[in-house]
Amino acid sequence: GRFASALSEHQTRWPGLPEEAEARAFVE
């Protein structure tokens, strides 16, 4: 359940792929 919560946060922040300038945050 903790992983599911973390994934939900990730998808809320990036519903699609980010702009290039935010690539490191997304990949990390």
mmCIF file of all heavy atoms, coordinates in Angstrom:
data_MODEL
# 
_entry.id   MODEL 
# 
loop_
_atom_site.group_PDB 
_atom_site.id 
_atom_site.type_symbol 
_atom_site.label_atom_id 
_atom_site.label_alt_id 
_atom_site.label_comp_id 
_atom_site.label_asym_id 
_atom_site.label_entity_id 
_atom_site.label_seq_id 
_atom_site.pdbx_PDB_ins_code 
_atom_site.Cartn_x 
_atom_site.Cartn_y 
_atom_site.Cartn_z 
_atom_site.occupancy 
_atom_site.B_iso_or_equiv 
_atom_site.pdbx_formal_charge 
_atom_site.auth_seq_id 
_atom_site.auth_comp_id 
_atom_site.auth_asym_id 
_atom_site.auth_atom_id 
_atom_site.pdbx_PDB_model_num 
ATOM 1   N N   . GLY A 1 1  ? 0.822  -1.209 0.000   1.00 0.00 ? 1  GLY A N   1 
ATOM 2   C CA  . GLY A 1 1  ? 0.000  0.000  0.000   1.00 0.00 ? 1  GLY A CA  1 
ATOM 3   C C   . GLY A 1 1  ? 0.850  1.250  0.000   1.00 0.00 ? 1  GLY A C   1 
ATOM 4   O O   . GLY A 1 1  ? 0.472  2.272  -0.607  1.00 0.00 ? 1  GLY A O   1 
ATOM 5   N N   . ARG A 1 2  ? 1.995  1.207  0.677   1.00 0.00 ? 2  ARG A N   1 
ATOM 6   C CA  . ARG A 1 2  ? 2.885  2.372  0.680   1.00 0.00 ? 2  ARG A CA  1 
ATOM 7   C C   . ARG A 1 2  ? 3.407  2.655  -0.725  1.00 0.00 ? 2  ARG A C   1 
ATOM 8   O O   . ARG A 1 2  ? 3.513  3.810  -1.152  1.00 0.00 ? 2  ARG A O   1 
ATOM 9   C CB  . ARG A 1 2  ? 4.051  2.146  1.646   1.00 0.00 ? 2  ARG A CB  1 
ATOM 10  C CG  . ARG A 1 2  ? 3.686  2.198  3.129   1.00 0.00 ? 2  ARG A CG  1 
ATOM 11  C CD  . ARG A 1 2  ? 4.966  2.108  3.958   1.00 0.00 ? 2  ARG A CD  1 
ATOM 12  N NE  . ARG A 1 2  ? 4.721  2.267  5.373   1.00 0.00 ? 2  ARG A NE  1 
ATOM 13  C CZ  . ARG A 1 2  ? 4.503  1.267  6.209   1.00 0.00 ? 2  ARG A CZ  1 
ATOM 14  N NH1 . ARG A 1 2  ? 4.459  0.017  5.755   1.00 0.00 ? 2  ARG A NH1 1 
ATOM 15  N NH2 . ARG A 1 2  ? 4.311  1.489  7.497   1.00 0.00 ? 2  ARG A NH2 1 
ATOM 16  N N   . PHE A 1 3  ? 3.752  1.589  -1.447  1.00 0.00 ? 3  PHE A N   1 
ATOM 17  C CA  . PHE A 1 3  ? 4.204  1.795  -2.830  1.00 0.00 ? 3  PHE A CA  1 
ATOM 18  C C   . PHE A 1 3  ? 3.080  2.394  -3.662  1.00 0.00 ? 3  PHE A C   1 
ATOM 19  O O   . PHE A 1 3  ? 3.320  3.308  -4.471  1.00 0.00 ? 3  PHE A O   1 
ATOM 20  C CB  . PHE A 1 3  ? 4.666  0.480  -3.451  1.00 0.00 ? 3  PHE A CB  1 
ATOM 21  C CG  . PHE A 1 3  ? 5.230  0.645  -4.844  1.00 0.00 ? 3  PHE A CG  1 
ATOM 22  C CD1 . PHE A 1 3  ? 6.583  0.827  -5.040  1.00 0.00 ? 3  PHE A CD1 1 
ATOM 23  C CD2 . PHE A 1 3  ? 4.390  0.643  -5.959  1.00 0.00 ? 3  PHE A CD2 1 
ATOM 24  C CE1 . PHE A 1 3  ? 7.098  0.995  -6.314  1.00 0.00 ? 3  PHE A CE1 1 
ATOM 25  C CE2 . PHE A 1 3  ? 4.898  0.810  -7.238  1.00 0.00 ? 3  PHE A CE2 1 
ATOM 26  C CZ  . PHE A 1 3  ? 6.253  0.990  -7.411  1.00 0.00 ? 3  PHE A CZ  1 
ATOM 27  N N   . ALA A 1 4  ? 1.862  1.909  -3.485  1.00 0.00 ? 4  ALA A N   1 
ATOM 28  C CA  . ALA A 1 4  ? 0.727  2.438  -4.247  1.00 0.00 ? 4  ALA A CA  1 
ATOM 29  C C   . ALA A 1 4  ? 0.551  3.925  -3.991  1.00 0.00 ? 4  ALA A C   1 
ATOM 30  O O   . ALA A 1 4  ? 0.265  4.708  -4.916  1.00 0.00 ? 4  ALA A O   1 
ATOM 31  C CB  . ALA A 1 4  ? -0.547 1.677  -3.893  1.00 0.00 ? 4  ALA A CB  1 
ATOM 32  N N   . SER A 1 5  ? 0.740  4.361  -2.756  1.00 0.00 ? 5  SER A N   1 
ATOM 33  C CA  . SER A 1 5  ? 0.629  5.783  -2.433  1.00 0.00 ? 5  SER A CA  1 
ATOM 34  C C   . SER A 1 5  ? 1.719  6.588  -3.123  1.00 0.00 ? 5  SER A C   1 
ATOM 35  O O   . SER A 1 5  ? 1.474  7.674  -3.664  1.00 0.00 ? 5  SER A O   1 
ATOM 36  C CB  . SER A 1 5  ? 0.723  5.977  -0.918  1.00 0.00 ? 5  SER A CB  1 
ATOM 37  O OG  . SER A 1 5  ? -0.366 5.361  -0.261  1.00 0.00 ? 5  SER A OG  1 
ATOM 38  N N   . ALA A 1 6  ? 2.953  6.051  -3.120  1.00 0.00 ? 6  ALA A N   1 
ATOM 39  C CA  . ALA A 1 6  ? 4.059  6.751  -3.775  1.00 0.00 ? 6  ALA A CA  1 
ATOM 40  C C   . ALA A 1 6  ? 3.835  6.838  -5.276  1.00 0.00 ? 6  ALA A C   1 
ATOM 41  O O   . ALA A 1 6  ? 4.102  7.871  -5.905  1.00 0.00 ? 6  ALA A O   1 
ATOM 42  C CB  . ALA A 1 6  ? 5.370  6.025  -3.478  1.00 0.00 ? 6  ALA A CB  1 
ATOM 43  N N   . LEU A 1 7  ? 3.325  5.777  -5.875  1.00 0.00 ? 7  LEU A N   1 
ATOM 44  C CA  . LEU A 1 7  ? 3.048  5.800  -7.313  1.00 0.00 ? 7  LEU A CA  1 
ATOM 45  C C   . LEU A 1 7  ? 1.967  6.818  -7.635  1.00 0.00 ? 7  LEU A C   1 
ATOM 46  O O   . LEU A 1 7  ? 2.052  7.543  -8.641  1.00 0.00 ? 7  LEU A O   1 
ATOM 47  C CB  . LEU A 1 7  ? 2.630  4.407  -7.773  1.00 0.00 ? 7  LEU A CB  1 
ATOM 48  C CG  . LEU A 1 7  ? 2.277  4.272  -9.256  1.00 0.00 ? 7  LEU A CG  1 
ATOM 49  C CD1 . LEU A 1 7  ? 3.469  4.626  -10.136 1.00 0.00 ? 7  LEU A CD1 1 
ATOM 50  C CD2 . LEU A 1 7  ? 1.778  2.857  -9.563  1.00 0.00 ? 7  LEU A CD2 1 
ATOM 51  N N   . SER A 1 8  ? 0.956  6.900  -6.787  1.00 0.00 ? 8  SER A N   1 
ATOM 52  C CA  . SER A 1 8  ? -0.118 7.873  -7.010  1.00 0.00 ? 8  SER A CA  1 
ATOM 53  C C   . SER A 1 8  ? 0.432  9.296  -6.993  1.00 0.00 ? 8  SER A C   1 
ATOM 54  O O   . SER A 1 8  ? 0.070  10.128 -7.828  1.00 0.00 ? 8  SER A O   1 
ATOM 55  C CB  . SER A 1 8  ? -1.197 7.704  -5.943  1.00 0.00 ? 8  SER A CB  1 
ATOM 56  O OG  . SER A 1 8  ? -2.208 8.675  -6.103  1.00 0.00 ? 8  SER A OG  1 
ATOM 57  N N   . GLU A 1 9  ? 1.317  9.592  -6.048  1.00 0.00 ? 9  GLU A N   1 
ATOM 58  C CA  . GLU A 1 9  ? 1.940  10.921 -5.992  1.00 0.00 ? 9  GLU A CA  1 
ATOM 59  C C   . GLU A 1 9  ? 2.728  11.200 -7.266  1.00 0.00 ? 9  GLU A C   1 
ATOM 60  O O   . GLU A 1 9  ? 2.691  12.322 -7.815  1.00 0.00 ? 9  GLU A O   1 
ATOM 61  C CB  . GLU A 1 9  ? 2.859  11.013 -4.778  1.00 0.00 ? 9  GLU A CB  1 
ATOM 62  C CG  . GLU A 1 9  ? 2.141  11.058 -3.435  1.00 0.00 ? 9  GLU A CG  1 
ATOM 63  C CD  . GLU A 1 9  ? 3.109  11.201 -2.273  1.00 0.00 ? 9  GLU A CD  1 
ATOM 64  O OE1 . GLU A 1 9  ? 4.322  11.422 -2.531  1.00 0.00 ? 9  GLU A OE1 1 
ATOM 65  O OE2 . GLU A 1 9  ? 2.671  11.084 -1.118  1.00 0.00 ? 9  GLU A OE2 1 
ATOM 66  N N   . HIS A 1 10 ? 3.465  10.196 -7.719  1.00 0.00 ? 10 HIS A N   1 
ATOM 67  C CA  . HIS A 1 10 ? 4.262  10.336 -8.934  1.00 0.00 ? 10 HIS A CA  1 
ATOM 68  C C   . HIS A 1 10 ? 3.370  10.646 -10.142 1.00 0.00 ? 10 HIS A C   1 
ATOM 69  O O   . HIS A 1 10 ? 3.665  11.550 -10.935 1.00 0.00 ? 10 HIS A O   1 
ATOM 70  C CB  . HIS A 1 10 ? 5.037  9.033  -9.165  1.00 0.00 ? 10 HIS A CB  1 
ATOM 71  C CG  . HIS A 1 10 ? 5.893  9.011  -10.395 1.00 0.00 ? 10 HIS A CG  1 
ATOM 72  N ND1 . HIS A 1 10 ? 7.097  9.654  -10.466 1.00 0.00 ? 10 HIS A ND1 1 
ATOM 73  C CD2 . HIS A 1 10 ? 5.707  8.413  -11.614 1.00 0.00 ? 10 HIS A CD2 1 
ATOM 74  C CE1 . HIS A 1 10 ? 7.632  9.458  -11.659 1.00 0.00 ? 10 HIS A CE1 1 
ATOM 75  N NE2 . HIS A 1 10 ? 6.805  8.706  -12.383 1.00 0.00 ? 10 HIS A NE2 1 
ATOM 76  N N   . GLN A 1 11 ? 2.279  9.933  -10.270 1.00 0.00 ? 11 GLN A N   1 
ATOM 77  C CA  . GLN A 1 11 ? 1.389  10.126 -11.414 1.00 0.00 ? 11 GLN A CA  1 
ATOM 78  C C   . GLN A 1 11 ? 0.624  11.440 -11.332 1.00 0.00 ? 11 GLN A C   1 
ATOM 79  O O   . GLN A 1 11 ? 0.262  12.017 -12.366 1.00 0.00 ? 11 GLN A O   1 
ATOM 80  C CB  . GLN A 1 11 ? 0.436  8.936  -11.514 1.00 0.00 ? 11 GLN A CB  1 
ATOM 81  C CG  . GLN A 1 11 ? 1.143  7.636  -11.882 1.00 0.00 ? 11 GLN A CG  1 
ATOM 82  C CD  . GLN A 1 11 ? 0.248  6.423  -11.777 1.00 0.00 ? 11 GLN A CD  1 
ATOM 83  O OE1 . GLN A 1 11 ? -0.665 6.374  -10.937 1.00 0.00 ? 11 GLN A OE1 1 
ATOM 84  N NE2 . GLN A 1 11 ? 0.498  5.420  -12.614 1.00 0.00 ? 11 GLN A NE2 1 
ATOM 85  N N   . THR A 1 12 ? 0.382  11.905 -10.120 1.00 0.00 ? 12 THR A N   1 
ATOM 86  C CA  . THR A 1 12 ? -0.267 13.213 -9.972  1.00 0.00 ? 12 THR A CA  1 
ATOM 87  C C   . THR A 1 12 ? 0.673  14.325 -10.426 1.00 0.00 ? 12 THR A C   1 
ATOM 88  O O   . THR A 1 12 ? 0.257  15.282 -11.101 1.00 0.00 ? 12 THR A O   1 
ATOM 89  C CB  . THR A 1 12 ? -0.667 13.448 -8.502  1.00 0.00 ? 12 THR A CB  1 
ATOM 90  O OG1 . THR A 1 12 ? -1.625 12.443 -8.130  1.00 0.00 ? 12 THR A OG1 1 
ATOM 91  C CG2 . THR A 1 12 ? -1.274 14.820 -8.310  1.00 0.00 ? 12 THR A CG2 1 
ATOM 92  N N   . ARG A 1 13 ? 1.940  14.193 -10.064 1.00 0.00 ? 13 ARG A N   1 
ATOM 93  C CA  . ARG A 1 13 ? 2.909  15.217 -10.466 1.00 0.00 ? 13 ARG A CA  1 
ATOM 94  C C   . ARG A 1 13 ? 3.189  15.165 -11.961 1.00 0.00 ? 13 ARG A C   1 
ATOM 95  O O   . ARG A 1 13 ? 3.328  16.212 -12.605 1.00 0.00 ? 13 ARG A O   1 
ATOM 96  C CB  . ARG A 1 13 ? 4.216  15.027 -9.686  1.00 0.00 ? 13 ARG A CB  1 
ATOM 97  C CG  . ARG A 1 13 ? 5.282  16.062 -10.026 1.00 0.00 ? 13 ARG A CG  1 
ATOM 98  C CD  . ARG A 1 13 ? 6.515  15.949 -9.155  1.00 0.00 ? 13 ARG A CD  1 
ATOM 99  N NE  . ARG A 1 13 ? 7.529  16.928 -9.534  1.00 0.00 ? 13 ARG A NE  1 
ATOM 100 C CZ  . ARG A 1 13 ? 8.722  17.026 -8.970  1.00 0.00 ? 13 ARG A CZ  1 
ATOM 101 N NH1 . ARG A 1 13 ? 9.051  16.214 -7.958  1.00 0.00 ? 13 ARG A NH1 1 
ATOM 102 N NH2 . ARG A 1 13 ? 9.592  17.923 -9.376  1.00 0.00 ? 13 ARG A NH2 1 
ATOM 103 N N   . TRP A 1 14 ? 3.281  13.957 -12.515 1.00 0.00 ? 14 TRP A N   1 
ATOM 104 C CA  . TRP A 1 14 ? 3.585  13.804 -13.935 1.00 0.00 ? 14 TRP A CA  1 
ATOM 105 C C   . TRP A 1 14 ? 2.520  12.921 -14.585 1.00 0.00 ? 14 TRP A C   1 
ATOM 106 O O   . TRP A 1 14 ? 2.736  11.717 -14.779 1.00 0.00 ? 14 TRP A O   1 
ATOM 107 C CB  . TRP A 1 14 ? 4.958  13.181 -14.129 1.00 0.00 ? 14 TRP A CB  1 
ATOM 108 C CG  . TRP A 1 14 ? 6.095  14.078 -13.742 1.00 0.00 ? 14 TRP A CG  1 
ATOM 109 C CD1 . TRP A 1 14 ? 6.465  15.247 -14.345 1.00 0.00 ? 14 TRP A CD1 1 
ATOM 110 C CD2 . TRP A 1 14 ? 7.013  13.882 -12.660 1.00 0.00 ? 14 TRP A CD2 1 
ATOM 111 N NE1 . TRP A 1 14 ? 7.555  15.787 -13.719 1.00 0.00 ? 14 TRP A NE1 1 
ATOM 112 C CE2 . TRP A 1 14 ? 7.920  14.975 -12.672 1.00 0.00 ? 14 TRP A CE2 1 
ATOM 113 C CE3 . TRP A 1 14 ? 7.173  12.896 -11.682 1.00 0.00 ? 14 TRP A CE3 1 
ATOM 114 C CZ2 . TRP A 1 14 ? 8.944  15.101 -11.735 1.00 0.00 ? 14 TRP A CZ2 1 
ATOM 115 C CZ3 . TRP A 1 14 ? 8.191  13.013 -10.759 1.00 0.00 ? 14 TRP A CZ3 1 
ATOM 116 C CH2 . TRP A 1 14 ? 9.064  14.099 -10.785 1.00 0.00 ? 14 TRP A CH2 1 
ATOM 117 N N   . PRO A 1 15 ? 1.391  13.457 -14.941 1.00 0.00 ? 15 PRO A N   1 
ATOM 118 C CA  . PRO A 1 15 ? 0.379  12.657 -15.640 1.00 0.00 ? 15 PRO A CA  1 
ATOM 119 C C   . PRO A 1 15 ? 0.853  12.217 -17.020 1.00 0.00 ? 15 PRO A C   1 
ATOM 120 O O   . PRO A 1 15 ? 0.350  11.253 -17.585 1.00 0.00 ? 15 PRO A O   1 
ATOM 121 C CB  . PRO A 1 15 ? -0.822 13.604 -15.738 1.00 0.00 ? 15 PRO A CB  1 
ATOM 122 C CG  . PRO A 1 15 ? -0.258 14.975 -15.545 1.00 0.00 ? 15 PRO A CG  1 
ATOM 123 C CD  . PRO A 1 15 ? 0.937  14.836 -14.676 1.00 0.00 ? 15 PRO A CD  1 
ATOM 124 N N   . GLY A 1 16 ? 1.805  12.929 -17.557 1.00 0.00 ? 16 GLY A N   1 
ATOM 125 C CA  . GLY A 1 16 ? 2.469  12.557 -18.804 1.00 0.00 ? 16 GLY A CA  1 
ATOM 126 C C   . GLY A 1 16 ? 3.961  12.736 -18.631 1.00 0.00 ? 16 GLY A C   1 
ATOM 127 O O   . GLY A 1 16 ? 4.464  12.844 -17.512 1.00 0.00 ? 16 GLY A O   1 
ATOM 128 N N   . LEU A 1 17 ? 4.685  12.781 -19.740 1.00 0.00 ? 17 LEU A N   1 
ATOM 129 C CA  . LEU A 1 17 ? 6.130  12.981 -19.642 1.00 0.00 ? 17 LEU A CA  1 
ATOM 130 C C   . LEU A 1 17 ? 6.442  14.448 -19.378 1.00 0.00 ? 17 LEU A C   1 
ATOM 131 O O   . LEU A 1 17 ? 5.737  15.342 -19.849 1.00 0.00 ? 17 LEU A O   1 
ATOM 132 C CB  . LEU A 1 17 ? 6.811  12.517 -20.930 1.00 0.00 ? 17 LEU A CB  1 
ATOM 133 C CG  . LEU A 1 17 ? 6.743  11.016 -21.215 1.00 0.00 ? 17 LEU A CG  1 
ATOM 134 C CD1 . LEU A 1 17 ? 7.400  10.696 -22.541 1.00 0.00 ? 17 LEU A CD1 1 
ATOM 135 C CD2 . LEU A 1 17 ? 7.401  10.228 -20.095 1.00 0.00 ? 17 LEU A CD2 1 
ATOM 136 N N   . PRO A 1 18 ? 7.530  14.737 -18.637 1.00 0.00 ? 18 PRO A N   1 
ATOM 137 C CA  . PRO A 1 18 ? 7.865  16.119 -18.302 1.00 0.00 ? 18 PRO A CA  1 
ATOM 138 C C   . PRO A 1 18 ? 8.555  16.834 -19.455 1.00 0.00 ? 18 PRO A C   1 
ATOM 139 O O   . PRO A 1 18 ? 8.968  16.215 -20.445 1.00 0.00 ? 18 PRO A O   1 
ATOM 140 C CB  . PRO A 1 18 ? 8.835  15.952 -17.130 1.00 0.00 ? 18 PRO A CB  1 
ATOM 141 C CG  . PRO A 1 18 ? 9.549  14.673 -17.449 1.00 0.00 ? 18 PRO A CG  1 
ATOM 142 C CD  . PRO A 1 18 ? 8.503  13.771 -18.073 1.00 0.00 ? 18 PRO A CD  1 
ATOM 143 N N   . GLU A 1 19 ? 8.684  18.138 -19.311 1.00 0.00 ? 19 GLU A N   1 
ATOM 144 C CA  . GLU A 1 19 ? 9.532  18.904 -20.213 1.00 0.00 ? 19 GLU A CA  1 
ATOM 145 C C   . GLU A 1 19 ? 10.995 18.534 -19.943 1.00 0.00 ? 19 GLU A C   1 
ATOM 146 O O   . GLU A 1 19 ? 11.347 18.037 -18.860 1.00 0.00 ? 19 GLU A O   1 
ATOM 147 C CB  . GLU A 1 19 ? 9.326  20.405 -20.002 1.00 0.00 ? 19 GLU A CB  1 
ATOM 148 C CG  . GLU A 1 19 ? 7.922  20.889 -20.319 1.00 0.00 ? 19 GLU A CG  1 
ATOM 149 C CD  . GLU A 1 19 ? 7.574  20.733 -21.788 1.00 0.00 ? 19 GLU A CD  1 
ATOM 150 O OE1 . GLU A 1 19 ? 8.494  20.894 -22.628 1.00 0.00 ? 19 GLU A OE1 1 
ATOM 151 O OE2 . GLU A 1 19 ? 6.404  20.458 -22.099 1.00 0.00 ? 19 GLU A OE2 1 
ATOM 152 N N   . GLU A 1 20 ? 11.855 18.799 -20.914 1.00 0.00 ? 20 GLU A N   1 
ATOM 153 C CA  . GLU A 1 20 ? 13.260 18.396 -20.789 1.00 0.00 ? 20 GLU A CA  1 
ATOM 154 C C   . GLU A 1 20 ? 13.913 18.936 -19.524 1.00 0.00 ? 20 GLU A C   1 
ATOM 155 O O   . GLU A 1 20 ? 14.689 18.235 -18.870 1.00 0.00 ? 20 GLU A O   1 
ATOM 156 C CB  . GLU A 1 20 ? 14.048 18.862 -22.019 1.00 0.00 ? 20 GLU A CB  1 
ATOM 157 C CG  . GLU A 1 20 ? 15.523 18.503 -21.962 1.00 0.00 ? 20 GLU A CG  1 
ATOM 158 C CD  . GLU A 1 20 ? 16.294 18.990 -23.166 1.00 0.00 ? 20 GLU A CD  1 
ATOM 159 O OE1 . GLU A 1 20 ? 15.794 18.853 -24.300 1.00 0.00 ? 20 GLU A OE1 1 
ATOM 160 O OE2 . GLU A 1 20 ? 17.411 19.508 -22.978 1.00 0.00 ? 20 GLU A OE2 1 
ATOM 161 N N   . ALA A 1 21 ? 13.598 20.169 -19.149 1.00 0.00 ? 21 ALA A N   1 
ATOM 162 C CA  . ALA A 1 21 ? 14.252 20.777 -17.994 1.00 0.00 ? 21 ALA A CA  1 
ATOM 163 C C   . ALA A 1 21 ? 13.974 20.025 -16.699 1.00 0.00 ? 21 ALA A C   1 
ATOM 164 O O   . ALA A 1 21 ? 14.742 20.118 -15.730 1.00 0.00 ? 21 ALA A O   1 
ATOM 165 C CB  . ALA A 1 21 ? 13.809 22.235 -17.847 1.00 0.00 ? 21 ALA A CB  1 
ATOM 166 N N   . GLU A 1 22 ? 12.889 19.253 -16.655 1.00 0.00 ? 22 GLU A N   1 
ATOM 167 C CA  . GLU A 1 22 ? 12.524 18.514 -15.447 1.00 0.00 ? 22 GLU A CA  1 
ATOM 168 C C   . GLU A 1 22 ? 12.867 17.028 -15.577 1.00 0.00 ? 22 GLU A C   1 
ATOM 169 O O   . GLU A 1 22 ? 12.440 16.213 -14.750 1.00 0.00 ? 22 GLU A O   1 
ATOM 170 C CB  . GLU A 1 22 ? 11.022 18.668 -15.185 1.00 0.00 ? 22 GLU A CB  1 
ATOM 171 C CG  . GLU A 1 22 ? 10.669 18.699 -13.709 1.00 0.00 ? 22 GLU A CG  1 
ATOM 172 C CD  . GLU A 1 22 ? 9.179  18.872 -13.473 1.00 0.00 ? 22 GLU A CD  1 
ATOM 173 O OE1 . GLU A 1 22 ? 8.419  19.021 -14.445 1.00 0.00 ? 22 GLU A OE1 1 
ATOM 174 O OE2 . GLU A 1 22 ? 8.793  18.854 -12.295 1.00 0.00 ? 22 GLU A OE2 1 
ATOM 175 N N   . ALA A 1 23 ? 13.680 16.686 -16.551 1.00 0.00 ? 23 ALA A N   1 
ATOM 176 C CA  . ALA A 1 23 ? 13.947 15.273 -16.833 1.00 0.00 ? 23 ALA A CA  1 
ATOM 177 C C   . ALA A 1 23 ? 14.644 14.577 -15.672 1.00 0.00 ? 23 ALA A C   1 
ATOM 178 O O   . ALA A 1 23 ? 14.350 13.419 -15.366 1.00 0.00 ? 23 ALA A O   1 
ATOM 179 C CB  . ALA A 1 23 ? 14.785 15.146 -18.103 1.00 0.00 ? 23 ALA A CB  1 
ATOM 180 N N   . ARG A 1 24 ? 15.578 15.243 -15.012 1.00 0.00 ? 24 ARG A N   1 
ATOM 181 C CA  . ARG A 1 24 ? 16.298 14.584 -13.920 1.00 0.00 ? 24 ARG A CA  1 
ATOM 182 C C   . ARG A 1 24 ? 15.358 14.259 -12.762 1.00 0.00 ? 24 ARG A C   1 
ATOM 183 O O   . ARG A 1 24 ? 15.460 13.176 -12.178 1.00 0.00 ? 24 ARG A O   1 
ATOM 184 C CB  . ARG A 1 24 ? 17.465 15.449 -13.446 1.00 0.00 ? 24 ARG A CB  1 
ATOM 185 C CG  . ARG A 1 24 ? 18.673 15.390 -14.356 1.00 0.00 ? 24 ARG A CG  1 
ATOM 186 C CD  . ARG A 1 24 ? 19.934 15.789 -13.629 1.00 0.00 ? 24 ARG A CD  1 
ATOM 187 N NE  . ARG A 1 24 ? 21.109 15.618 -14.469 1.00 0.00 ? 24 ARG A NE  1 
ATOM 188 C CZ  . ARG A 1 24 ? 22.336 15.416 -14.005 1.00 0.00 ? 24 ARG A CZ  1 
ATOM 189 N NH1 . ARG A 1 24 ? 22.540 15.349 -12.694 1.00 0.00 ? 24 ARG A NH1 1 
ATOM 190 N NH2 . ARG A 1 24 ? 23.368 15.269 -14.817 1.00 0.00 ? 24 ARG A NH2 1 
ATOM 191 N N   . ALA A 1 25 ? 14.501 15.172 -12.415 1.00 0.00 ? 25 ALA A N   1 
ATOM 192 C CA  . ALA A 1 25 ? 13.565 14.907 -11.320 1.00 0.00 ? 25 ALA A CA  1 
ATOM 193 C C   . ALA A 1 25 ? 12.680 13.712 -11.660 1.00 0.00 ? 25 ALA A C   1 
ATOM 194 O O   . ALA A 1 25 ? 12.448 12.825 -10.825 1.00 0.00 ? 25 ALA A O   1 
ATOM 195 C CB  . ALA A 1 25 ? 12.718 16.144 -11.046 1.00 0.00 ? 25 ALA A CB  1 
ATOM 196 N N   . PHE A 1 26 ? 12.203 13.670 -12.886 1.00 0.00 ? 26 PHE A N   1 
ATOM 197 C CA  . PHE A 1 26 ? 11.325 12.581 -13.315 1.00 0.00 ? 26 PHE A CA  1 
ATOM 198 C C   . PHE A 1 26 ? 12.066 11.243 -13.328 1.00 0.00 ? 26 PHE A C   1 
ATOM 199 O O   . PHE A 1 26 ? 11.557 10.228 -12.835 1.00 0.00 ? 26 PHE A O   1 
ATOM 200 C CB  . PHE A 1 26 ? 10.773 12.892 -14.706 1.00 0.00 ? 26 PHE A CB  1 
ATOM 201 C CG  . PHE A 1 26 ? 9.978  11.773 -15.318 1.00 0.00 ? 26 PHE A CG  1 
ATOM 202 C CD1 . PHE A 1 26 ? 8.649  11.579 -14.976 1.00 0.00 ? 26 PHE A CD1 1 
ATOM 203 C CD2 . PHE A 1 26 ? 10.566 10.900 -16.235 1.00 0.00 ? 26 PHE A CD2 1 
ATOM 204 C CE1 . PHE A 1 26 ? 7.912  10.541 -15.534 1.00 0.00 ? 26 PHE A CE1 1 
ATOM 205 C CE2 . PHE A 1 26 ? 9.839  9.871  -16.803 1.00 0.00 ? 26 PHE A CE2 1 
ATOM 206 C CZ  . PHE A 1 26 ? 8.506  9.684  -16.442 1.00 0.00 ? 26 PHE A CZ  1 
ATOM 207 N N   . VAL A 1 27 ? 13.270 11.229 -13.893 1.00 0.00 ? 27 VAL A N   1 
ATOM 208 C CA  . VAL A 1 27 ? 14.024 9.979  -14.001 1.00 0.00 ? 27 VAL A CA  1 
ATOM 209 C C   . VAL A 1 27 ? 14.443 9.471  -12.626 1.00 0.00 ? 27 VAL A C   1 
ATOM 210 O O   . VAL A 1 27 ? 14.362 8.272  -12.344 1.00 0.00 ? 27 VAL A O   1 
ATOM 211 C CB  . VAL A 1 27 ? 15.247 10.172 -14.923 1.00 0.00 ? 27 VAL A CB  1 
ATOM 212 C CG1 . VAL A 1 27 ? 16.186 8.980  -14.841 1.00 0.00 ? 27 VAL A CG1 1 
ATOM 213 C CG2 . VAL A 1 27 ? 14.783 10.377 -16.360 1.00 0.00 ? 27 VAL A CG2 1 
ATOM 214 N N   . GLU A 1 28 ? 14.857 10.364 -11.758 1.00 0.00 ? 28 GLU A N   1 
ATOM 215 C CA  . GLU A 1 28 ? 15.231 9.936  -10.403 1.00 0.00 ? 28 GLU A CA  1 
ATOM 216 C C   . GLU A 1 28 ? 14.054 9.276  -9.691  1.00 0.00 ? 28 GLU A C   1 
ATOM 217 O O   . GLU A 1 28 ? 14.177 8.189  -9.109  1.00 0.00 ? 28 GLU A O   1 
ATOM 218 C CB  . GLU A 1 28 ? 15.726 11.121 -9.586  1.00 0.00 ? 28 GLU A CB  1 
ATOM 219 C CG  . GLU A 1 28 ? 16.059 10.768 -8.138  1.00 0.00 ? 28 GLU A CG  1 
ATOM 220 C CD  . GLU A 1 28 ? 16.403 11.978 -7.308  1.00 0.00 ? 28 GLU A CD  1 
ATOM 221 O OE1 . GLU A 1 28 ? 17.387 12.679 -7.658  1.00 0.00 ? 28 GLU A OE1 1 
ATOM 222 O OE2 . GLU A 1 28 ? 15.692 12.246 -6.318  1.00 0.00 ? 28 GLU A OE2 1 
# 
